[in-house]
Amino acid sequence: MGITSSGGVHQNNGGYIYLTDDICVEYPVFLSLSADAEPLIDTDDTRENRIPLDVTIPMTKERAMKMLSFVDNSDEELSYAVAYLEGTEP
């Protein structure tokens, strides 16, 4: 679920390097494979996403304004996902 798809990128993070208290670099620790044993790293030669979203969160003007607000610290994607999973109108 998301506003935009991942562009086909899929990695399992597990390695962490803490540069400072505020900066952490995460890196993949093993290769993720599809059901056909193909690496799920990026798009194939068609340049199309091979990992589509199950649910696309619609981008509305209200949602965009909340996401760009420096006053409201809510997480619009998380709020939508919770409402969706609870069966209420997102």
C-alpha atoms as a PDB file:
ATOM      1  CA  MET A   1       0.000   0.000   0.000  1.00  0.00           C
ATOM      2  CA  GLY A   2       1.299   3.433  -0.831  1.00  0.00           C
ATOM      3  CA  ILE A   3       0.957   6.634  -2.805  1.00  0.00           C
ATOM      4  CA  THR A   4       3.536   5.574  -5.376  1.00  0.00           C
ATOM      5  CA  SER A   5       4.963   2.205  -6.224  1.00  0.00           C
ATOM      6  CA  SER A   6       8.479   1.220  -5.301  1.00  0.00           C
ATOM      7  CA  GLY A   7       9.785   1.275  -8.845  1.00  0.00           C
ATOM      8  CA  GLY A   8      10.475  -2.434  -8.437  1.00  0.00           C
ATOM      9  CA  VAL A   9      13.056  -2.021  -5.707  1.00  0.00           C
ATOM     10  CA  HIS A  10      12.926  -4.684  -3.033  1.00  0.00           C
ATOM     11  CA  GLN A  11      15.629  -5.212  -0.476  1.00  0.00           C
ATOM     12  CA  ASN A  12      15.766  -6.752   2.957  1.00  0.00           C
ATOM     13  CA  ASN A  13      17.583  -4.390   5.268  1.00  0.00           C
ATOM     14  CA  GLY A  14      19.290  -5.907   8.224  1.00  0.00           C
ATOM     15  CA  GLY A  15      22.688  -4.308   8.415  1.00  0.00           C
ATOM     16  CA  TYR A  16      22.962  -0.999  10.200  1.00  0.00           C
ATOM     17  CA  ILE A  17      25.795   1.500  10.485  1.00  0.00           C
ATOM     18  CA  TYR A  18      25.231   4.270  13.028  1.00  0.00           C
ATOM     19  CA  LEU A  19      27.220   7.290  11.904  1.00  0.00           C
ATOM     20  CA  THR A  20      25.861   9.600  14.610  1.00  0.00           C
ATOM     21  CA  ASP A  21      22.940   9.548  17.025  1.00  0.00           C
ATOM     22  CA  ASP A  22      20.761  10.969  14.230  1.00  0.00           C
ATOM     23  CA  ILE A  23      22.168   9.262  11.131  1.00  0.00           C
ATOM     24  CA  CYS A  24      21.919   5.549  10.419  1.00  0.00           C
ATOM     25  CA  VAL A  25      22.760   3.818   7.129  1.00  0.00           C
ATOM     26  CA  GLU A  26      20.839   0.590   6.439  1.00  0.00           C
ATOM     27  CA  TYR A  27      21.985  -1.978   3.895  1.00  0.00           C
ATOM     28  CA  PRO A  28      20.603  -5.256   2.522  1.00  0.00           C
ATOM     29  CA  VAL A  29      21.974  -8.421   4.069  1.00  0.00           C
ATOM     30  CA  PHE A  30      20.636 -11.044   1.665  1.00  0.00           C
ATOM     31  CA  LEU A  31      19.178 -11.373  -1.807  1.00  0.00           C
ATOM     32  CA  SER A  32      15.393 -11.478  -2.150  1.00  0.00           C
ATOM     33  CA  LEU A  33      14.036 -13.811  -4.833  1.00  0.00           C
ATOM     34  CA  SER A  34      10.693 -14.051  -6.600  1.00  0.00           C
ATOM     35  CA  ALA A  35       8.713 -17.286  -6.840  1.00  0.00           C
ATOM     36  CA  ASP A  36      10.649 -17.923 -10.072  1.00  0.00           C
ATOM     37  CA  ALA A  37      13.988 -17.492  -8.264  1.00  0.00           C
ATOM     38  CA  GLU A  38      14.660 -14.154  -9.974  1.00  0.00           C
ATOM     39  CA  PRO A  39      16.290 -11.423  -7.897  1.00  0.00           C
ATOM     40  CA  LEU A  40      13.844  -8.736  -6.762  1.00  0.00           C
ATOM     41  CA  ILE A  41      16.199  -5.809  -6.990  1.00  0.00           C
ATOM     42  CA  ASP A  42      14.949  -3.571  -9.742  1.00  0.00           C
ATOM     43  CA  THR A  43      12.744  -3.531 -12.810  1.00  0.00           C
ATOM     44  CA  ASP A  44      13.388  -5.953 -15.647  1.00  0.00           C
ATOM     45  CA  ASP A  45      14.087  -5.037 -19.278  1.00  0.00           C
ATOM     46  CA  THR A  46      10.529  -3.709 -19.707  1.00  0.00           C
ATOM     47  CA  ARG A  47      11.334  -1.044 -17.074  1.00  0.00           C
ATOM     48  CA  GLU A  48       7.955  -1.781 -15.459  1.00  0.00           C
ATOM     49  CA  ASN A  49       7.527  -2.338 -11.755  1.00  0.00           C
ATOM     50  CA  ARG A  50       7.397  -6.060 -10.975  1.00  0.00           C
ATOM     51  CA  ILE A  51       6.133  -5.429  -7.450  1.00  0.00           C
ATOM     52  CA  PRO A  52       2.827  -3.576  -7.880  1.00  0.00           C
ATOM     53  CA  LEU A  53       0.905  -2.016  -5.031  1.00  0.00           C
ATOM     54  CA  ASP A  54      -2.045  -3.991  -3.679  1.00  0.00           C
ATOM     55  CA  VAL A  55      -3.746  -0.721  -2.729  1.00  0.00           C
ATOM     56  CA  THR A  56      -2.912   2.712  -4.137  1.00  0.00           C
ATOM     57  CA  ILE A  57      -3.575   5.583  -1.751  1.00  0.00           C
ATOM     58  CA  PRO A  58      -5.246   8.356  -3.750  1.00  0.00           C
ATOM     59  CA  MET A  59      -3.383  11.651  -3.778  1.00  0.00           C
ATOM     60  CA  THR A  60      -5.797  14.461  -3.070  1.00  0.00           C
ATOM     61  CA  LYS A  61      -5.109  18.145  -2.562  1.00  0.00           C
ATOM     62  CA  GLU A  62      -5.992  17.776   1.142  1.00  0.00           C
ATOM     63  CA  ARG A  63      -3.629  14.822   1.577  1.00  0.00           C
ATOM     64  CA  ALA A  64      -0.827  16.621  -0.257  1.00  0.00           C
ATOM     65  CA  MET A  65      -1.243  19.721   1.890  1.00  0.00           C
ATOM     66  CA  LYS A  66      -1.099  17.628   5.075  1.00  0.00           C
ATOM     67  CA  MET A  67       2.010  15.823   3.862  1.00  0.00           C
ATOM     68  CA  LEU A  68       3.743  19.125   3.076  1.00  0.00           C
ATOM     69  CA  SER A  69       2.662  20.831   6.293  1.00  0.00           C
ATOM     70  CA  PHE A  70       5.339  21.661   8.826  1.00  0.00           C
ATOM     71  CA  VAL A  71       2.644  22.170  11.466  1.00  0.00           C
ATOM     72  CA  ASP A  72       0.791  18.853  11.234  1.00  0.00           C
ATOM     73  CA  ASN A  73       3.092  15.936  12.065  1.00  0.00           C
ATOM     74  CA  SER A  74       0.591  13.227  11.126  1.00  0.00           C
ATOM     75  CA  ASP A  75       1.581  10.365   8.822  1.00  0.00           C
ATOM     76  CA  GLU A  76      -0.978  10.390   6.011  1.00  0.00           C
ATOM     77  CA  GLU A  77       0.034   7.036   4.545  1.00  0.00           C
ATOM     78  CA  LEU A  78      -0.058   5.328   7.924  1.00  0.00           C
ATOM     79  CA  SER A  79      -3.397   6.948   8.810  1.00  0.00           C
ATOM     80  CA  TYR A  80      -4.878   5.760   5.511  1.00  0.00           C
ATOM     81  CA  ALA A  81      -3.534   2.236   6.014  1.00  0.00           C
ATOM     82  CA  VAL A  82      -4.961   1.987   9.546  1.00  0.00           C
ATOM     83  CA  ALA A  83      -8.385   3.226   8.398  1.00  0.00           C
ATOM     84  CA  TYR A  84      -8.315   0.831   5.436  1.00  0.00           C
ATOM     85  CA  LEU A  85      -7.430  -2.157   7.609  1.00  0.00           C
ATOM     86  CA  GLU A  86     -10.069  -1.227  10.198  1.00  0.00           C
ATOM     87  CA  GLY A  87     -12.664  -1.056   7.416  1.00  0.00           C
ATOM     88  CA  THR A  88     -13.463   2.603   7.959  1.00  0.00           C
ATOM     89  CA  GLU A  89     -13.541   5.180   5.206  1.00  0.00           C
ATOM     90  CA  PRO A  90      -9.958   6.435   4.676  1.00  0.00           C
END
